[in-house]
C-alpha atoms as a PDB file:
ATOM      1  CA  MET A   1     -25.727  -1.962  18.303  1.00  0.00           C
ATOM      2  CA  LEU A   2     -27.227  -0.885  15.019  1.00  0.00           C
ATOM      3  CA  LYS A   3     -30.426   0.420  16.625  1.00  0.00           C
ATOM      4  CA  THR A   4     -28.577   2.153  19.445  1.00  0.00           C
ATOM      5  CA  TYR A   5     -26.112   4.000  17.216  1.00  0.00           C
ATOM      6  CA  ARG A   6     -28.049   4.334  13.956  1.00  0.00           C
ATOM      7  CA  LYS A   7     -28.230   8.133  14.254  1.00  0.00           C
ATOM      8  CA  ASP A   8     -24.967   8.706  16.117  1.00  0.00           C
ATOM      9  CA  GLN A   9     -22.799  11.231  14.277  1.00  0.00           C
ATOM     10  CA  ARG A  10     -19.656   9.580  15.669  1.00  0.00           C
ATOM     11  CA  VAL A  11     -20.281   6.547  13.470  1.00  0.00           C
ATOM     12  CA  ALA A  12     -18.959   7.256   9.974  1.00  0.00           C
ATOM     13  CA  VAL A  13     -19.695   3.888   8.371  1.00  0.00           C
ATOM     14  CA  TRP A  14     -20.805   0.430   9.462  1.00  0.00           C
ATOM     15  CA  ASP A  15     -18.398  -2.338   8.421  1.00  0.00           C
ATOM     16  CA  LEU A  16     -20.792  -5.220   8.884  1.00  0.00           C
ATOM     17  CA  TYR A  17     -18.724  -8.366   8.392  1.00  0.00           C
ATOM     18  CA  ASN A  18     -14.970  -8.871   8.281  1.00  0.00           C
ATOM     19  CA  GLU A  19     -13.710 -11.233   5.581  1.00  0.00           C
ATOM     20  CA  PRO A  20     -16.642 -13.541   4.835  1.00  0.00           C
ATOM     21  CA  GLY A  21     -15.506 -17.040   3.984  1.00  0.00           C
ATOM     22  CA  HIS A  22     -12.145 -16.683   5.743  1.00  0.00           C
ATOM     23  CA  PHE A  23     -10.489 -19.286   7.974  1.00  0.00           C
ATOM     24  CA  GLY A  24     -12.000 -22.133   5.998  1.00  0.00           C
ATOM     25  CA  HIS A  25     -15.617 -21.103   6.639  1.00  0.00           C
ATOM     26  CA  GLY A  26     -16.297 -20.703   2.921  1.00  0.00           C
ATOM     27  CA  GLU A  27     -19.929 -21.192   1.958  1.00  0.00           C
ATOM     28  CA  LYS A  28     -20.961 -21.470   5.627  1.00  0.00           C
ATOM     29  CA  SER A  29     -20.569 -17.671   5.797  1.00  0.00           C
ATOM     30  CA  TRP A  30     -23.538 -16.977   3.513  1.00  0.00           C
ATOM     31  CA  PRO A  31     -26.380 -17.058   6.084  1.00  0.00           C
ATOM     32  CA  LEU A  32     -24.694 -14.586   8.442  1.00  0.00           C
ATOM     33  CA  LEU A  33     -23.522 -12.365   5.591  1.00  0.00           C
ATOM     34  CA  LYS A  34     -27.026 -12.074   4.167  1.00  0.00           C
ATOM     35  CA  ASN A  35     -28.563 -11.598   7.610  1.00  0.00           C
ATOM     36  CA  VAL A  36     -26.268  -8.728   8.624  1.00  0.00           C
ATOM     37  CA  VAL A  37     -27.258  -6.818   5.503  1.00  0.00           C
ATOM     38  CA  THR A  38     -30.954  -7.459   6.202  1.00  0.00           C
ATOM     39  CA  TRP A  39     -30.562  -6.379   9.839  1.00  0.00           C
ATOM     40  CA  ALA A  40     -28.679  -3.215   8.912  1.00  0.00           C
ATOM     41  CA  ARG A  41     -31.211  -2.193   6.260  1.00  0.00           C
ATOM     42  CA  SER A  42     -34.147  -2.899   8.584  1.00  0.00           C
ATOM     43  CA  VAL A  43     -33.075  -0.320  11.177  1.00  0.00           C
ATOM     44  CA  LYS A  44     -32.800   2.494   8.603  1.00  0.00           C
ATOM     45  CA  LEU A  45     -29.273   3.607   9.448  1.00  0.00           C
ATOM     46  CA  ARG A  46     -28.242   7.177   8.719  1.00  0.00           C
ATOM     47  CA  GLN A  47     -24.690   6.002   8.053  1.00  0.00           C
ATOM     48  CA  PRO A  48     -23.574   3.993   5.025  1.00  0.00           C
ATOM     49  CA  ILE A  49     -22.808   0.295   5.275  1.00  0.00           C
ATOM     50  CA  THR A  50     -19.926  -1.681   3.814  1.00  0.00           C
ATOM     51  CA  ILE A  51     -18.576  -5.219   3.782  1.00  0.00           C
ATOM     52  CA  GLY A  52     -14.911  -5.295   2.835  1.00  0.00           C
ATOM     53  CA  VAL A  53     -13.820  -7.168  -0.270  1.00  0.00           C
ATOM     54  CA  TRP A  54     -10.697  -9.054   0.672  1.00  0.00           C
ATOM     55  CA  ASN A  55     -10.099 -12.032  -1.628  1.00  0.00           C
ATOM     56  CA  LYS A  56     -10.352 -11.497  -5.382  1.00  0.00           C
ATOM     57  CA  ASP A  57     -10.966 -15.232  -5.873  1.00  0.00           C
ATOM     58  CA  PHE A  58     -14.210 -15.094  -3.833  1.00  0.00           C
ATOM     59  CA  THR A  59     -16.215 -13.770  -6.769  1.00  0.00           C
ATOM     60  CA  ALA A  60     -19.701 -14.632  -5.468  1.00  0.00           C
ATOM     61  CA  PHE A  61     -18.984 -13.079  -2.066  1.00  0.00           C
ATOM     62  CA  ASN A  62     -17.392 -10.029  -3.694  1.00  0.00           C
ATOM     63  CA  LYS A  63     -20.370  -9.461  -5.977  1.00  0.00           C
ATOM     64  CA  PHE A  64     -22.781  -9.638  -3.042  1.00  0.00           C
ATOM     65  CA  GLN A  65     -20.604  -7.433  -0.837  1.00  0.00           C
ATOM     66  CA  ILE A  66     -20.197  -4.732  -3.479  1.00  0.00           C
ATOM     67  CA  GLU A  67     -23.873  -4.756  -4.481  1.00  0.00           C
ATOM     68  CA  ASN A  68     -24.957  -4.449  -0.851  1.00  0.00           C
ATOM     69  CA  SER A  69     -22.451  -1.794   0.237  1.00  0.00           C
ATOM     70  CA  ASP A  70     -23.136   1.928   0.086  1.00  0.00           C
ATOM     71  CA  VAL A  71     -19.388   2.519   0.249  1.00  0.00           C
ATOM     72  CA  ILE A  72     -16.951  -0.075  -1.104  1.00  0.00           C
ATOM     73  CA  SER A  73     -14.274  -1.099   1.342  1.00  0.00           C
ATOM     74  CA  PHE A  74     -11.451  -3.470   0.568  1.00  0.00           C
ATOM     75  CA  HIS A  75      -8.295  -5.016   1.961  1.00  0.00           C
ATOM     76  CA  ASN A  76      -4.982  -5.033   0.136  1.00  0.00           C
ATOM     77  CA  TYR A  77      -1.728  -6.018   1.806  1.00  0.00           C
ATOM     78  CA  ARG A  78       0.298  -6.196  -1.376  1.00  0.00           C
ATOM     79  CA  ASP A  79       2.493  -3.803  -3.343  1.00  0.00           C
ATOM     80  CA  SER A  80       1.637  -0.597  -5.200  1.00  0.00           C
ATOM     81  CA  ILE A  81       0.850  -2.378  -8.486  1.00  0.00           C
ATOM     82  CA  SER A  82      -1.697  -4.611  -6.774  1.00  0.00           C
ATOM     83  CA  MET A  83      -3.177  -1.638  -4.933  1.00  0.00           C
ATOM     84  CA  GLN A  84      -3.610   0.334  -8.151  1.00  0.00           C
ATOM     85  CA  GLU A  85      -5.228  -2.661  -9.850  1.00  0.00           C
ATOM     86  CA  ALA A  86      -7.666  -3.072  -6.960  1.00  0.00           C
ATOM     87  CA  ILE A  87      -8.582   0.617  -7.005  1.00  0.00           C
ATOM     88  CA  ASP A  88      -8.992   0.661 -10.795  1.00  0.00           C
ATOM     89  CA  SER A  89     -11.363  -2.316 -10.749  1.00  0.00           C
ATOM     90  CA  LEU A  90     -13.414  -1.108  -7.766  1.00  0.00           C
ATOM     91  CA  GLN A  91     -13.748   2.498  -8.996  1.00  0.00           C
ATOM     92  CA  LEU A  92     -15.742   1.167 -11.945  1.00  0.00           C
ATOM     93  CA  ARG A  93     -18.628   0.639  -9.486  1.00  0.00           C
ATOM     94  CA  GLY A  94     -19.058   4.395  -8.993  1.00  0.00           C
ATOM     95  CA  LYS A  95     -19.115   4.278  -5.197  1.00  0.00           C
ATOM     96  CA  PRO A  96     -16.692   5.875  -2.733  1.00  0.00           C
ATOM     97  CA  LEU A  97     -13.766   3.637  -1.730  1.00  0.00           C
ATOM     98  CA  ILE A  98     -12.169   2.912   1.625  1.00  0.00           C
ATOM     99  CA  CYS A  99      -9.105   0.734   1.880  1.00  0.00           C
ATOM    100  CA  SER A 100      -9.968  -0.642   5.305  1.00  0.00           C
ATOM    101  CA  GLU A 101      -6.881  -2.818   5.663  1.00  0.00           C
ATOM    102  CA  TYR A 102      -3.411  -2.274   4.238  1.00  0.00           C
ATOM    103  CA  MET A 103       0.131  -1.662   5.470  1.00  0.00           C
ATOM    104  CA  LYS A 104       2.174  -4.796   5.673  1.00  0.00           C
ATOM    105  CA  ARG A 105       5.688  -3.481   5.371  1.00  0.00           C
ATOM    106  CA  VAL A 106       7.233  -6.875   4.618  1.00  0.00           C
ATOM    107  CA  ASN A 107       5.013  -7.159   1.504  1.00  0.00           C
ATOM    108  CA  GLN A 108       6.005  -3.734   0.148  1.00  0.00           C
ATOM    109  CA  SER A 109       2.665  -2.418   1.362  1.00  0.00           C
ATOM    110  CA  THR A 110       4.251   0.630   2.970  1.00  0.00           C
ATOM    111  CA  PHE A 111       3.170   4.193   3.594  1.00  0.00           C
ATOM    112  CA  GLU A 112       5.697   5.357   1.002  1.00  0.00           C
ATOM    113  CA  ALA A 113       4.397   2.981  -1.677  1.00  0.00           C
ATOM    114  CA  ILE A 114       0.665   3.055  -0.944  1.00  0.00           C
ATOM    115  CA  THR A 115      -0.522   6.318   0.585  1.00  0.00           C
ATOM    116  CA  PRO A 116       0.433   8.542  -2.382  1.00  0.00           C
ATOM    117  CA  ILE A 117      -1.719   6.283  -4.589  1.00  0.00           C
ATOM    118  CA  LEU A 118      -4.621   6.450  -2.141  1.00  0.00           C
ATOM    119  CA  LYS A 119      -4.417  10.232  -2.005  1.00  0.00           C
ATOM    120  CA  ARG A 120      -4.148  10.618  -5.798  1.00  0.00           C
ATOM    121  CA  GLU A 121      -7.123   8.296  -6.339  1.00  0.00           C
ATOM    122  CA  ASN A 122      -9.183   9.903  -3.529  1.00  0.00           C
ATOM    123  CA  VAL A 123      -9.445   6.619  -1.617  1.00  0.00           C
ATOM    124  CA  SER A 124      -9.867   6.805   2.144  1.00  0.00           C
ATOM    125  CA  ALA A 125      -7.756   4.468   4.237  1.00  0.00           C
ATOM    126  CA  ILE A 126      -7.693   2.904   7.675  1.00  0.00           C
ATOM    127  CA  ASN A 127      -4.492   1.548   9.180  1.00  0.00           C
ATOM    128  CA  TRP A 128      -4.839  -1.274  11.668  1.00  0.00           C
ATOM    129  CA  GLY A 129      -2.226  -0.312  14.196  1.00  0.00           C
ATOM    130  CA  LEU A 130      -1.130   2.942  15.735  1.00  0.00           C
ATOM    131  CA  VAL A 131       0.978   2.335  18.846  1.00  0.00           C
ATOM    132  CA  ALA A 132       2.864  -0.901  19.526  1.00  0.00           C
ATOM    133  CA  GLY A 133       1.235  -2.444  22.556  1.00  0.00           C
ATOM    134  CA  LYS A 134      -1.515  -4.836  23.556  1.00  0.00           C
ATOM    135  CA  THR A 135      -2.698  -5.596  20.035  1.00  0.00           C
ATOM    136  CA  GLN A 136       0.865  -6.322  18.891  1.00  0.00           C
ATOM    137  CA  THR A 137       0.138  -5.399  15.288  1.00  0.00           C
ATOM    138  CA  ASN A 138       3.813  -4.615  14.870  1.00  0.00           C
ATOM    139  CA  TYR A 139       4.283  -8.403  14.846  1.00  0.00           C
ATOM    140  CA  PRO A 140       3.203 -10.711  12.015  1.00  0.00           C
ATOM    141  CA  GLN A 141      -0.272 -12.213  12.176  1.00  0.00           C
ATOM    142  CA  GLY A 142      -0.154 -15.534  13.938  1.00  0.00           C
ATOM    143  CA  ASN A 143       2.371 -14.277  16.488  1.00  0.00           C
ATOM    144  CA  LYS A 144       2.195 -16.578  19.510  1.00  0.00           C
ATOM    145  CA  GLY A 145       3.993 -14.217  21.868  1.00  0.00           C
ATOM    146  CA  GLY A 146       7.504 -14.283  23.179  1.00  0.00           C
ATOM    147  CA  GLU A 147       9.145 -13.764  19.790  1.00  0.00           C
ATOM    148  CA  PRO A 148      11.723 -10.983  19.491  1.00  0.00           C
ATOM    149  CA  GLU A 149      10.372  -7.745  18.062  1.00  0.00           C
ATOM    150  CA  PRO A 150      10.650  -7.864  14.255  1.00  0.00           C
ATOM    151  CA  ALA A 151      13.155  -5.521  12.627  1.00  0.00           C
ATOM    152  CA  VAL A 152      10.462  -4.536  10.114  1.00  0.00           C
ATOM    153  CA  TRP A 153       7.094  -3.994  11.757  1.00  0.00           C
ATOM    154  CA  TYR A 154       3.853  -5.061  10.140  1.00  0.00           C
ATOM    155  CA  HIS A 155       1.388  -2.284  11.014  1.00  0.00           C
ATOM    156  CA  ASP A 156       2.069  -0.002  13.954  1.00  0.00           C
ATOM    157  CA  ILE A 157       3.365   3.525  13.480  1.00  0.00           C
ATOM    158  CA  PHE A 158       4.578   4.543  16.946  1.00  0.00           C
ATOM    159  CA  LYS A 159       6.673   2.906  19.632  1.00  0.00           C
ATOM    160  CA  LYS A 160       5.324   2.678  23.185  1.00  0.00           C
ATOM    161  CA  ASP A 161       7.193   5.879  24.101  1.00  0.00           C
ATOM    162  CA  GLY A 162       5.382   7.796  21.329  1.00  0.00           C
ATOM    163  CA  SER A 163       8.350   8.057  18.983  1.00  0.00           C
ATOM    164  CA  PRO A 164       7.758   6.915  15.396  1.00  0.00           C
ATOM    165  CA  PHE A 165       8.914   3.519  14.185  1.00  0.00           C
ATOM    166  CA  ALA A 166      10.115   5.276  11.024  1.00  0.00           C
ATOM    167  CA  PRO A 167      10.268   9.089  11.144  1.00  0.00           C
ATOM    168  CA  LYS A 168      10.137   9.248   7.319  1.00  0.00           C
ATOM    169  CA  GLU A 169       6.719   7.579   7.443  1.00  0.00           C
ATOM    170  CA  THR A 170       5.235  10.012   9.925  1.00  0.00           C
ATOM    171  CA  ALA A 171       6.645  12.938   7.932  1.00  0.00           C
ATOM    172  CA  LEU A 172       4.970  11.544   4.803  1.00  0.00           C
ATOM    173  CA  ILE A 173       1.657  11.036   6.610  1.00  0.00           C
ATOM    174  CA  LYS A 174       1.753  14.636   7.828  1.00  0.00           C
ATOM    175  CA  GLU A 175       2.590  15.867   4.329  1.00  0.00           C
ATOM    176  CA  LEU A 176      -0.207  13.899   2.669  1.00  0.00           C
ATOM    177  CA  THR A 177      -2.834  14.853   5.235  1.00  0.00           C
ATOM    178  CA  ALA A 178      -1.956  18.542   5.496  1.00  0.00           C
ATOM    179  CA  ARG A 179      -4.631  20.919   4.288  1.00  0.00           C
END
């Protein structure tokens, strides 16, 4: 993949490894984490690489991920105070920031609370879900299927028919992204 698309202008950034150490893998993640960085650097990519920081308690992983990323990406599913703290600490590294996972409405990680901070701090952002459907990111993680649709969605923005889950959110997104 890296060799095939290393010069492709459609690729903005390579996110090499999602959440090292997660799901109880811990220290067993080190060999793959180090190898993906070596592989990516060996093919001389035109695009920057990143490995998202996701758990502030994983200090050794975080140090390695930040040092080996051209662009710092991070996950934050918590409230606006936590988001600001994460941005403040990561901006000290002097690299561009991408919040590559956020938006968990039930944790007060909402468009209204978070996106104005991201815009003010010049932090790019990626939202997991767009339209409620196959990926079911409107449901909580760990959803087994068959549960009733939650009153407060986790990620998705639009219903299957294309109408917004919350029209105030889409209005805010349009406002913040207008040129």
